[in-house]
Amino acid sequence: MPGIHCAITRIVREGKEAEFEEALKSFVARSMGHHGTTGAHLLRPTDASRPREYGILRSFGSEEHMAEFYASDLFADWQAEVADLVEGDPVHRNLHGLEAFFRGDSGKTPPRWKMAVVTWLGVFPVVLFWSRLLAPQLSFIHPVLVTAVVVLAAVITLTWLVMPNLTKWFAGWLHKP
């Protein structure tokens, strides 16, 4: 998950949820062409205590791209388009590093110690696996390059396989109040 990620929460007016979702889908399609925008995800309400709170996770190539996007006419037009569909102002929270893996449905992250435990549960076996598998095969190259290859394999495995699954499996514990 390169770049920067921003979690935005919006409270949608009662009875306007379907209209908001359609407007959001249209906006996301339009906004994906904006320079530096790398992704957008809708997080629908799951908590019965906040049945109309939607999360939007936006990803950008850099802080500068994010600033350009939120200062753009495109974004200003979107704000005007949904003004009658939402209550209050949006709440923005930038997610840095591993926080992006651990975001909950509300865009909130768990305590850092819980993120550290789950990260260790993912990193330790992955690094052990790749170092045992690759290091003997690469013994003919410099140890620093062997380490670089092992770390590359571990990062790829963690990013696309292990961390998404661990955060899903431990979601109840991670986001328990």
N, C-alpha and C. Protein backbone atom coordinates (compact mmCIF):
# COMPACT_ATOMS: atom_id res chain seq x y z
N MET A 1 0.84 -1.17 0.00
CA MET A 1 0.00 0.00 0.00
C MET A 1 0.89 1.25 0.00
N PRO A 2 1.41 1.63 -1.13
CA PRO A 2 2.31 2.78 -1.18
C PRO A 2 1.55 4.08 -1.00
N GLY A 3 2.30 5.15 -0.72
CA GLY A 3 1.70 6.48 -0.64
C GLY A 3 1.08 6.76 0.70
N ILE A 4 0.04 7.56 0.65
CA ILE A 4 -0.66 7.98 1.86
C ILE A 4 -2.13 7.64 1.72
N HIS A 5 -2.73 7.35 2.84
CA HIS A 5 -4.14 6.97 2.86
C HIS A 5 -4.87 7.88 3.82
N CYS A 6 -6.08 8.24 3.45
CA CYS A 6 -6.88 9.13 4.28
C CYS A 6 -8.24 8.47 4.49
N ALA A 7 -8.60 8.31 5.77
CA ALA A 7 -9.91 7.77 6.11
C ALA A 7 -10.83 8.94 6.39
N ILE A 8 -11.98 8.95 5.72
CA ILE A 8 -12.96 10.02 5.87
C ILE A 8 -14.26 9.36 6.34
N THR A 9 -14.88 9.92 7.34
CA THR A 9 -16.19 9.42 7.74
C THR A 9 -17.23 10.51 7.50
N ARG A 10 -18.39 10.07 7.06
CA ARG A 10 -19.53 10.96 6.79
C ARG A 10 -20.77 10.35 7.40
N ILE A 11 -21.60 11.18 8.00
CA ILE A 11 -22.90 10.74 8.49
C ILE A 11 -23.91 11.10 7.40
N VAL A 12 -24.59 10.09 6.89
CA VAL A 12 -25.56 10.27 5.81
C VAL A 12 -26.94 10.46 6.44
N ARG A 13 -27.69 11.40 5.88
CA ARG A 13 -29.04 11.66 6.39
C ARG A 13 -29.90 10.40 6.23
N GLU A 14 -30.77 10.21 7.19
CA GLU A 14 -31.65 9.05 7.18
C GLU A 14 -32.49 9.04 5.90
N GLY A 15 -32.54 7.89 5.25
CA GLY A 15 -33.29 7.73 4.01
C GLY A 15 -32.52 8.15 2.76
N LYS A 16 -31.32 8.69 2.92
CA LYS A 16 -30.52 9.15 1.78
C LYS A 16 -29.34 8.22 1.48
N GLU A 17 -29.28 7.07 2.16
CA GLU A 17 -28.13 6.18 2.03
C GLU A 17 -27.92 5.69 0.59
N ALA A 18 -28.96 5.24 -0.06
CA ALA A 18 -28.83 4.73 -1.44
C ALA A 18 -28.41 5.85 -2.39
N GLU A 19 -28.98 7.02 -2.22
CA GLU A 19 -28.62 8.16 -3.06
C GLU A 19 -27.16 8.57 -2.84
N PHE A 20 -26.73 8.56 -1.57
CA PHE A 20 -25.34 8.88 -1.26
C PHE A 20 -24.39 7.87 -1.91
N GLU A 21 -24.70 6.58 -1.79
CA GLU A 21 -23.84 5.55 -2.37
C GLU A 21 -23.74 5.68 -3.88
N GLU A 22 -24.84 5.99 -4.55
CA GLU A 22 -24.79 6.18 -6.01
C GLU A 22 -23.95 7.40 -6.38
N ALA A 23 -24.15 8.48 -5.64
CA ALA A 23 -23.35 9.69 -5.90
C ALA A 23 -21.87 9.42 -5.64
N LEU A 24 -21.58 8.65 -4.60
CA LEU A 24 -20.19 8.33 -4.28
C LEU A 24 -19.55 7.47 -5.37
N LYS A 25 -20.28 6.48 -5.86
CA LYS A 25 -19.75 5.63 -6.94
C LYS A 25 -19.41 6.47 -8.17
N SER A 26 -20.28 7.38 -8.50
CA SER A 26 -20.05 8.25 -9.65
C SER A 26 -18.84 9.15 -9.42
N PHE A 27 -18.73 9.71 -8.21
CA PHE A 27 -17.60 10.57 -7.88
C PHE A 27 -16.28 9.80 -7.90
N VAL A 28 -16.28 8.61 -7.34
CA VAL A 28 -15.05 7.81 -7.33
C VAL A 28 -14.60 7.54 -8.76
N ALA A 29 -15.53 7.20 -9.64
CA ALA A 29 -15.17 6.95 -11.05
C ALA A 29 -14.55 8.20 -11.67
N ARG A 30 -15.15 9.36 -11.41
CA ARG A 30 -14.61 10.61 -11.95
C ARG A 30 -13.25 10.96 -11.33
N SER A 31 -13.11 10.70 -10.06
CA SER A 31 -11.92 11.15 -9.34
C SER A 31 -10.69 10.27 -9.56
N MET A 32 -10.87 9.06 -10.04
CA MET A 32 -9.72 8.17 -10.22
C MET A 32 -8.77 8.69 -11.30
N GLY A 33 -9.22 9.59 -12.14
CA GLY A 33 -8.35 10.18 -13.15
C GLY A 33 -7.54 11.36 -12.61
N HIS A 34 -7.84 11.79 -11.38
CA HIS A 34 -7.12 12.93 -10.80
C HIS A 34 -5.68 12.53 -10.52
N HIS A 35 -4.75 13.39 -10.91
CA HIS A 35 -3.32 13.14 -10.77
C HIS A 35 -2.97 12.72 -9.34
N GLY A 36 -2.33 11.56 -9.20
CA GLY A 36 -1.84 11.10 -7.91
C GLY A 36 -2.83 10.30 -7.09
N THR A 37 -4.06 10.15 -7.56
CA THR A 37 -5.04 9.34 -6.85
C THR A 37 -4.79 7.88 -7.20
N THR A 38 -4.64 7.03 -6.18
CA THR A 38 -4.32 5.62 -6.44
C THR A 38 -5.41 4.66 -6.01
N GLY A 39 -6.43 5.13 -5.29
CA GLY A 39 -7.49 4.22 -4.91
C GLY A 39 -8.54 4.89 -4.04
N ALA A 40 -9.69 4.24 -3.98
CA ALA A 40 -10.78 4.70 -3.12
C ALA A 40 -11.65 3.51 -2.78
N HIS A 41 -12.05 3.42 -1.53
CA HIS A 41 -12.89 2.31 -1.08
C HIS A 41 -14.00 2.85 -0.19
N LEU A 42 -15.19 2.32 -0.37
CA LEU A 42 -16.33 2.68 0.46
C LEU A 42 -16.44 1.66 1.57
N LEU A 43 -16.59 2.15 2.81
CA LEU A 43 -16.81 1.27 3.96
C LEU A 43 -18.22 1.56 4.45
N ARG A 44 -19.10 0.61 4.22
CA ARG A 44 -20.50 0.80 4.61
C ARG A 44 -20.66 0.63 6.12
N PRO A 45 -21.70 1.21 6.68
CA PRO A 45 -21.92 1.07 8.12
C PRO A 45 -22.11 -0.40 8.50
N THR A 46 -21.48 -0.78 9.60
CA THR A 46 -21.67 -2.14 10.11
C THR A 46 -22.07 -2.11 11.58
N ASP A 47 -21.82 -1.02 12.25
CA ASP A 47 -22.09 -0.89 13.67
C ASP A 47 -23.52 -0.38 13.86
N ALA A 48 -24.31 -1.14 14.59
CA ALA A 48 -25.71 -0.75 14.81
C ALA A 48 -25.82 0.58 15.53
N SER A 49 -24.79 0.96 16.29
CA SER A 49 -24.86 2.24 17.01
C SER A 49 -24.62 3.43 16.09
N ARG A 50 -24.05 3.18 14.91
CA ARG A 50 -23.81 4.25 13.93
C ARG A 50 -24.25 3.76 12.55
N PRO A 51 -25.54 3.55 12.38
CA PRO A 51 -26.02 2.91 11.15
C PRO A 51 -25.91 3.76 9.89
N ARG A 52 -25.63 5.05 10.03
CA ARG A 52 -25.55 5.92 8.85
C ARG A 52 -24.17 6.53 8.68
N GLU A 53 -23.17 6.00 9.41
CA GLU A 53 -21.80 6.50 9.28
C GLU A 53 -21.05 5.69 8.23
N TYR A 54 -20.67 6.37 7.16
CA TYR A 54 -19.93 5.75 6.06
C TYR A 54 -18.47 6.13 6.15
N GLY A 55 -17.62 5.20 5.79
CA GLY A 55 -16.20 5.47 5.72
C GLY A 55 -15.75 5.46 4.27
N ILE A 56 -14.85 6.33 3.94
CA ILE A 56 -14.27 6.38 2.60
C ILE A 56 -12.76 6.39 2.78
N LEU A 57 -12.10 5.40 2.24
CA LEU A 57 -10.65 5.35 2.33
C LEU A 57 -10.10 5.76 0.97
N ARG A 58 -9.36 6.86 0.94
CA ARG A 58 -8.76 7.36 -0.29
C ARG A 58 -7.26 7.20 -0.19
N SER A 59 -6.64 6.79 -1.29
CA SER A 59 -5.20 6.61 -1.34
C SER A 59 -4.61 7.52 -2.41
N PHE A 60 -3.43 8.05 -2.10
CA PHE A 60 -2.74 8.99 -2.99
C PHE A 60 -1.27 8.61 -3.07
N GLY A 61 -0.63 9.03 -4.13
CA GLY A 61 0.79 8.76 -4.32
C GLY A 61 1.68 9.49 -3.34
N SER A 62 1.21 10.65 -2.84
CA SER A 62 2.03 11.44 -1.91
C SER A 62 1.14 12.43 -1.16
N GLU A 63 1.73 13.08 -0.16
CA GLU A 63 1.03 14.13 0.59
C GLU A 63 0.61 15.26 -0.34
N GLU A 64 1.50 15.58 -1.30
CA GLU A 64 1.22 16.67 -2.25
C GLU A 64 0.01 16.33 -3.12
N HIS A 65 -0.05 15.09 -3.59
CA HIS A 65 -1.19 14.67 -4.40
C HIS A 65 -2.49 14.76 -3.60
N MET A 66 -2.42 14.36 -2.33
CA MET A 66 -3.61 14.43 -1.48
C MET A 66 -4.05 15.88 -1.31
N ALA A 67 -3.11 16.77 -1.04
CA ALA A 67 -3.43 18.19 -0.86
C ALA A 67 -4.04 18.78 -2.13
N GLU A 68 -3.47 18.43 -3.29
CA GLU A 68 -4.00 18.91 -4.57
C GLU A 68 -5.44 18.42 -4.77
N PHE A 69 -5.68 17.15 -4.44
CA PHE A 69 -7.02 16.58 -4.62
C PHE A 69 -8.05 17.31 -3.77
N TYR A 70 -7.75 17.48 -2.47
CA TYR A 70 -8.71 18.11 -1.58
C TYR A 70 -8.87 19.60 -1.83
N ALA A 71 -7.95 20.21 -2.57
CA ALA A 71 -8.07 21.63 -2.95
C ALA A 71 -8.68 21.80 -4.34
N SER A 72 -8.99 20.70 -5.02
CA SER A 72 -9.44 20.75 -6.41
C SER A 72 -10.91 21.15 -6.54
N ASP A 73 -11.24 21.64 -7.73
CA ASP A 73 -12.64 21.93 -8.07
C ASP A 73 -13.46 20.65 -8.06
N LEU A 74 -12.85 19.55 -8.49
CA LEU A 74 -13.53 18.25 -8.50
C LEU A 74 -14.05 17.91 -7.12
N PHE A 75 -13.21 18.07 -6.10
CA PHE A 75 -13.62 17.75 -4.74
C PHE A 75 -14.64 18.77 -4.22
N ALA A 76 -14.44 20.04 -4.54
CA ALA A 76 -15.40 21.07 -4.11
C ALA A 76 -16.78 20.80 -4.71
N ASP A 77 -16.81 20.39 -5.98
CA ASP A 77 -18.09 20.06 -6.63
C ASP A 77 -18.75 18.87 -5.94
N TRP A 78 -17.94 17.87 -5.55
CA TRP A 78 -18.47 16.69 -4.85
C TRP A 78 -19.09 17.11 -3.51
N GLN A 79 -18.40 17.99 -2.78
CA GLN A 79 -18.92 18.45 -1.49
C GLN A 79 -20.28 19.12 -1.69
N ALA A 80 -20.40 19.93 -2.73
CA ALA A 80 -21.66 20.61 -3.01
C ALA A 80 -22.74 19.60 -3.43
N GLU A 81 -22.33 18.60 -4.20
CA GLU A 81 -23.28 17.58 -4.69
C GLU A 81 -23.92 16.80 -3.55
N VAL A 82 -23.17 16.50 -2.50
CA VAL A 82 -23.70 15.67 -1.41
C VAL A 82 -24.12 16.47 -0.19
N ALA A 83 -24.05 17.78 -0.26
CA ALA A 83 -24.35 18.63 0.91
C ALA A 83 -25.72 18.31 1.51
N ASP A 84 -26.72 18.06 0.67
CA ASP A 84 -28.07 17.77 1.17
C ASP A 84 -28.25 16.31 1.59
N LEU A 85 -27.23 15.48 1.34
CA LEU A 85 -27.33 14.06 1.66
C LEU A 85 -26.64 13.70 2.97
N VAL A 86 -25.85 14.62 3.50
CA VAL A 86 -25.05 14.31 4.69
C VAL A 86 -25.33 15.29 5.81
N GLU A 87 -24.93 14.89 7.03
CA GLU A 87 -25.04 15.74 8.21
C GLU A 87 -23.64 16.14 8.65
N GLY A 88 -23.43 17.39 8.90
CA GLY A 88 -22.15 17.85 9.42
C GLY A 88 -21.02 17.78 8.41
N ASP A 89 -19.84 18.07 8.90
CA ASP A 89 -18.64 18.07 8.06
C ASP A 89 -17.99 16.69 8.07
N PRO A 90 -17.22 16.40 7.02
CA PRO A 90 -16.49 15.13 7.02
C PRO A 90 -15.38 15.15 8.06
N VAL A 91 -15.07 13.98 8.59
CA VAL A 91 -13.95 13.83 9.51
C VAL A 91 -12.84 13.13 8.75
N HIS A 92 -11.67 13.78 8.63
CA HIS A 92 -10.52 13.24 7.91
C HIS A 92 -9.48 12.75 8.90
N ARG A 93 -8.89 11.59 8.59
CA ARG A 93 -7.79 11.08 9.41
C ARG A 93 -6.78 10.43 8.48
N ASN A 94 -5.58 10.97 8.46
CA ASN A 94 -4.53 10.38 7.63
C ASN A 94 -4.01 9.11 8.30
N LEU A 95 -3.84 8.07 7.50
CA LEU A 95 -3.30 6.81 7.98
C LEU A 95 -1.88 6.68 7.46
N HIS A 96 -0.96 6.43 8.35
CA HIS A 96 0.44 6.31 7.97
C HIS A 96 0.92 4.89 8.21
N GLY A 97 1.76 4.40 7.33
CA GLY A 97 2.40 3.10 7.52
C GLY A 97 1.41 1.98 7.72
N LEU A 98 1.65 1.18 8.75
CA LEU A 98 0.84 0.00 9.00
C LEU A 98 -0.59 0.31 9.40
N GLU A 99 -0.88 1.54 9.84
CA GLU A 99 -2.25 1.89 10.20
C GLU A 99 -3.22 1.59 9.06
N ALA A 100 -2.75 1.72 7.83
CA ALA A 100 -3.62 1.49 6.69
C ALA A 100 -4.12 0.05 6.65
N PHE A 101 -3.29 -0.90 7.10
CA PHE A 101 -3.73 -2.29 7.15
C PHE A 101 -4.79 -2.50 8.22
N PHE A 102 -4.69 -1.75 9.31
CA PHE A 102 -5.49 -2.02 10.49
C PHE A 102 -6.75 -1.18 10.60
N ARG A 103 -7.07 -0.39 9.60
CA ARG A 103 -8.25 0.45 9.69
C ARG A 103 -9.49 -0.41 9.87
N GLY A 104 -10.39 0.06 10.70
CA GLY A 104 -11.65 -0.65 10.91
C GLY A 104 -12.70 -0.12 9.95
N ASP A 105 -13.90 -0.64 10.06
CA ASP A 105 -14.98 -0.18 9.18
C ASP A 105 -15.27 1.29 9.37
N SER A 106 -14.96 1.82 10.55
CA SER A 106 -15.21 3.24 10.79
C SER A 106 -14.02 4.10 10.41
N GLY A 107 -12.94 3.47 9.92
CA GLY A 107 -11.74 4.21 9.58
C GLY A 107 -10.80 4.39 10.76
N LYS A 108 -11.20 3.87 11.94
CA LYS A 108 -10.37 3.99 13.13
C LYS A 108 -9.37 2.84 13.19
N THR A 109 -8.26 3.08 13.87
CA THR A 109 -7.25 2.03 14.04
C THR A 109 -7.22 1.59 15.49
N PRO A 110 -6.82 0.34 15.73
CA PRO A 110 -6.73 -0.16 17.10
C PRO A 110 -5.51 0.40 17.82
N PRO A 111 -5.38 0.09 19.12
CA PRO A 111 -4.19 0.55 19.85
C PRO A 111 -2.92 0.01 19.19
N ARG A 112 -1.86 0.78 19.28
CA ARG A 112 -0.58 0.40 18.64
C ARG A 112 -0.06 -0.94 19.14
N TRP A 113 -0.27 -1.27 20.42
CA TRP A 113 0.26 -2.53 20.93
C TRP A 113 -0.44 -3.71 20.26
N LYS A 114 -1.73 -3.58 19.94
CA LYS A 114 -2.42 -4.65 19.23
C LYS A 114 -1.91 -4.77 17.80
N MET A 115 -1.66 -3.61 17.16
CA MET A 115 -1.10 -3.65 15.80
C MET A 115 0.28 -4.32 15.83
N ALA A 116 1.07 -4.05 16.87
CA ALA A 116 2.41 -4.65 16.98
C ALA A 116 2.31 -6.17 17.14
N VAL A 117 1.38 -6.65 17.95
CA VAL A 117 1.22 -8.10 18.16
C VAL A 117 0.86 -8.79 16.85
N VAL A 118 -0.13 -8.26 16.15
CA VAL A 118 -0.57 -8.88 14.89
C VAL A 118 0.52 -8.77 13.83
N THR A 119 1.23 -7.65 13.79
CA THR A 119 2.33 -7.52 12.84
C THR A 119 3.41 -8.56 13.12
N TRP A 120 3.76 -8.75 14.38
CA TRP A 120 4.76 -9.77 14.73
C TRP A 120 4.28 -11.16 14.32
N LEU A 121 3.00 -11.44 14.55
CA LEU A 121 2.45 -12.75 14.16
C LEU A 121 2.56 -12.98 12.65
N GLY A 122 2.57 -11.91 11.88
CA GLY A 122 2.74 -12.04 10.44
C GLY A 122 4.19 -12.04 10.01
N VAL A 123 4.98 -11.13 10.56
CA VAL A 123 6.36 -10.97 10.13
C VAL A 123 7.24 -12.16 10.51
N PHE A 124 7.14 -12.62 11.74
CA PHE A 124 8.04 -13.70 12.18
C PHE A 124 7.97 -14.94 11.29
N PRO A 125 6.80 -15.54 11.09
CA PRO A 125 6.79 -16.76 10.26
C PRO A 125 7.15 -16.50 8.79
N VAL A 126 6.78 -15.34 8.27
CA VAL A 126 7.08 -15.04 6.87
C VAL A 126 8.58 -14.88 6.66
N VAL A 127 9.23 -14.14 7.54
CA VAL A 127 10.68 -13.96 7.42
C VAL A 127 11.39 -15.29 7.64
N LEU A 128 10.94 -16.06 8.61
CA LEU A 128 11.53 -17.38 8.85
C LEU A 128 11.40 -18.27 7.62
N PHE A 129 10.21 -18.30 7.04
CA PHE A 129 9.96 -19.12 5.85
C PHE A 129 10.88 -18.73 4.70
N TRP A 130 10.86 -17.43 4.34
CA TRP A 130 11.65 -16.99 3.18
C TRP A 130 13.15 -17.09 3.42
N SER A 131 13.59 -16.84 4.65
CA SER A 131 15.03 -16.94 4.89
C SER A 131 15.49 -18.39 4.83
N ARG A 132 14.68 -19.31 5.33
CA ARG A 132 15.03 -20.74 5.25
C ARG A 132 14.97 -21.25 3.81
N LEU A 133 14.04 -20.74 3.04
CA LEU A 133 13.88 -21.20 1.67
C LEU A 133 14.90 -20.57 0.72
N LEU A 134 15.08 -19.27 0.82
CA LEU A 134 15.90 -18.56 -0.16
C LEU A 134 17.38 -18.48 0.19
N ALA A 135 17.71 -18.30 1.47
CA ALA A 135 19.11 -18.09 1.85
C ALA A 135 20.04 -19.20 1.35
N PRO A 136 19.68 -20.46 1.52
CA PRO A 136 20.59 -21.51 1.01
C PRO A 136 20.74 -21.47 -0.51
N GLN A 137 19.70 -21.09 -1.20
CA GLN A 137 19.73 -21.04 -2.67
C GLN A 137 20.57 -19.88 -3.18
N LEU A 138 20.71 -18.86 -2.35
CA LEU A 138 21.41 -17.64 -2.76
C LEU A 138 22.77 -17.48 -2.07
N SER A 139 23.31 -18.56 -1.55
CA SER A 139 24.56 -18.49 -0.78
C SER A 139 25.75 -18.02 -1.61
N PHE A 140 25.62 -18.03 -2.93
CA PHE A 140 26.71 -17.61 -3.81
C PHE A 140 26.80 -16.09 -3.95
N ILE A 141 25.79 -15.34 -3.43
CA ILE A 141 25.86 -13.87 -3.53
C ILE A 141 26.14 -13.27 -2.15
N HIS A 142 26.45 -12.02 -2.13
CA HIS A 142 26.80 -11.31 -0.89
C HIS A 142 25.63 -11.40 0.11
N PRO A 143 25.93 -11.58 1.42
CA PRO A 143 24.86 -11.70 2.43
C PRO A 143 23.89 -10.52 2.47
N VAL A 144 24.37 -9.32 2.15
CA VAL A 144 23.47 -8.16 2.13
C VAL A 144 22.43 -8.32 1.02
N LEU A 145 22.84 -8.82 -0.14
CA LEU A 145 21.90 -9.05 -1.24
C LEU A 145 20.93 -10.18 -0.90
N VAL A 146 21.42 -11.21 -0.20
CA VAL A 146 20.53 -12.30 0.25
C VAL A 146 19.45 -11.71 1.16
N THR A 147 19.86 -10.88 2.10
CA THR A 147 18.91 -10.24 3.01
C THR A 147 17.91 -9.38 2.24
N ALA A 148 18.39 -8.64 1.25
CA ALA A 148 17.50 -7.80 0.44
C ALA A 148 16.45 -8.64 -0.28
N VAL A 149 16.85 -9.78 -0.83
CA VAL A 149 15.91 -10.66 -1.54
C VAL A 149 14.90 -11.26 -0.56
N VAL A 150 15.38 -11.71 0.61
CA VAL A 150 14.49 -12.28 1.63
C VAL A 150 13.47 -11.22 2.08
N VAL A 151 13.95 -10.01 2.34
CA VAL A 151 13.05 -8.94 2.79
C VAL A 151 12.04 -8.58 1.70
N LEU A 152 12.48 -8.53 0.45
CA LEU A 152 11.56 -8.26 -0.65
C LEU A 152 10.47 -9.32 -0.72
N ALA A 153 10.84 -10.58 -0.64
CA ALA A 153 9.84 -11.67 -0.67
C ALA A 153 8.90 -11.56 0.53
N ALA A 154 9.45 -11.22 1.71
CA ALA A 154 8.62 -11.09 2.90
C ALA A 154 7.63 -9.93 2.77
N VAL A 155 8.10 -8.79 2.27
CA VAL A 155 7.22 -7.62 2.13
C VAL A 155 6.09 -7.91 1.16
N ILE A 156 6.40 -8.54 0.04
CA ILE A 156 5.37 -8.88 -0.94
C ILE A 156 4.35 -9.84 -0.32
N THR A 157 4.83 -10.86 0.37
CA THR A 157 3.95 -11.84 1.01
C THR A 157 3.09 -11.18 2.08
N LEU A 158 3.69 -10.32 2.88
CA LEU A 158 2.94 -9.64 3.94
C LEU A 158 1.88 -8.70 3.36
N THR A 159 2.25 -7.95 2.34
CA THR A 159 1.35 -6.94 1.78
C THR A 159 0.13 -7.53 1.12
N TRP A 160 0.32 -8.58 0.31
CA TRP A 160 -0.81 -9.09 -0.47
C TRP A 160 -1.44 -10.36 0.07
N LEU A 161 -0.82 -11.01 1.03
CA LEU A 161 -1.39 -12.26 1.51
C LEU A 161 -1.60 -12.26 3.02
N VAL A 162 -0.54 -12.09 3.77
CA VAL A 162 -0.59 -12.30 5.21
C VAL A 162 -1.34 -11.21 5.96
N MET A 163 -0.94 -9.95 5.81
CA MET A 163 -1.57 -8.88 6.60
C MET A 163 -3.06 -8.69 6.30
N PRO A 164 -3.49 -8.74 5.05
CA PRO A 164 -4.95 -8.63 4.84
C PRO A 164 -5.72 -9.75 5.54
N ASN A 165 -5.18 -10.96 5.54
CA ASN A 165 -5.85 -12.07 6.22
C ASN A 165 -5.77 -11.97 7.73
N LEU A 166 -4.60 -11.63 8.26
CA LEU A 166 -4.48 -11.49 9.72
C LEU A 166 -5.40 -10.40 10.26
N THR A 167 -5.47 -9.28 9.57
CA THR A 167 -6.33 -8.21 10.06
C THR A 167 -7.81 -8.60 9.97
N LYS A 168 -8.15 -9.44 9.01
CA LYS A 168 -9.52 -9.94 8.91
C LYS A 168 -9.80 -10.94 10.04
N TRP A 169 -8.87 -11.88 10.25
CA TRP A 169 -9.05 -12.91 11.29
C TRP A 169 -9.09 -12.33 12.69
N PHE A 170 -8.30 -11.29 12.94
CA PHE A 170 -8.21 -10.70 14.26
C PHE A 170 -9.06 -9.43 14.41
N ALA A 171 -9.92 -9.16 13.46
CA ALA A 171 -10.70 -7.90 13.47
C ALA A 171 -11.48 -7.72 14.76
N GLY A 172 -12.12 -8.77 15.23
CA GLY A 172 -12.91 -8.67 16.46
C GLY A 172 -12.07 -8.24 17.65
N TRP A 173 -10.88 -8.81 17.78
CA TRP A 173 -9.98 -8.46 18.87
C TRP A 173 -9.35 -7.08 18.67
N LEU A 174 -8.92 -6.81 17.44
CA LEU A 174 -8.25 -5.54 17.16
C LEU A 174 -9.15 -4.35 17.44
N HIS A 175 -10.44 -4.46 17.09
CA HIS A 175 -11.34 -3.31 17.17
C HIS A 175 -12.30 -3.40 18.36
N LYS A 176 -12.01 -4.32 19.27
CA LYS A 176 -12.84 -4.45 20.47
C LYS A 176 -12.64 -3.22 21.35
N PRO A 177 -13.72 -2.58 21.78
CA PRO A 177 -13.57 -1.36 22.60
C PRO A 177 -12.85 -1.65 23.91
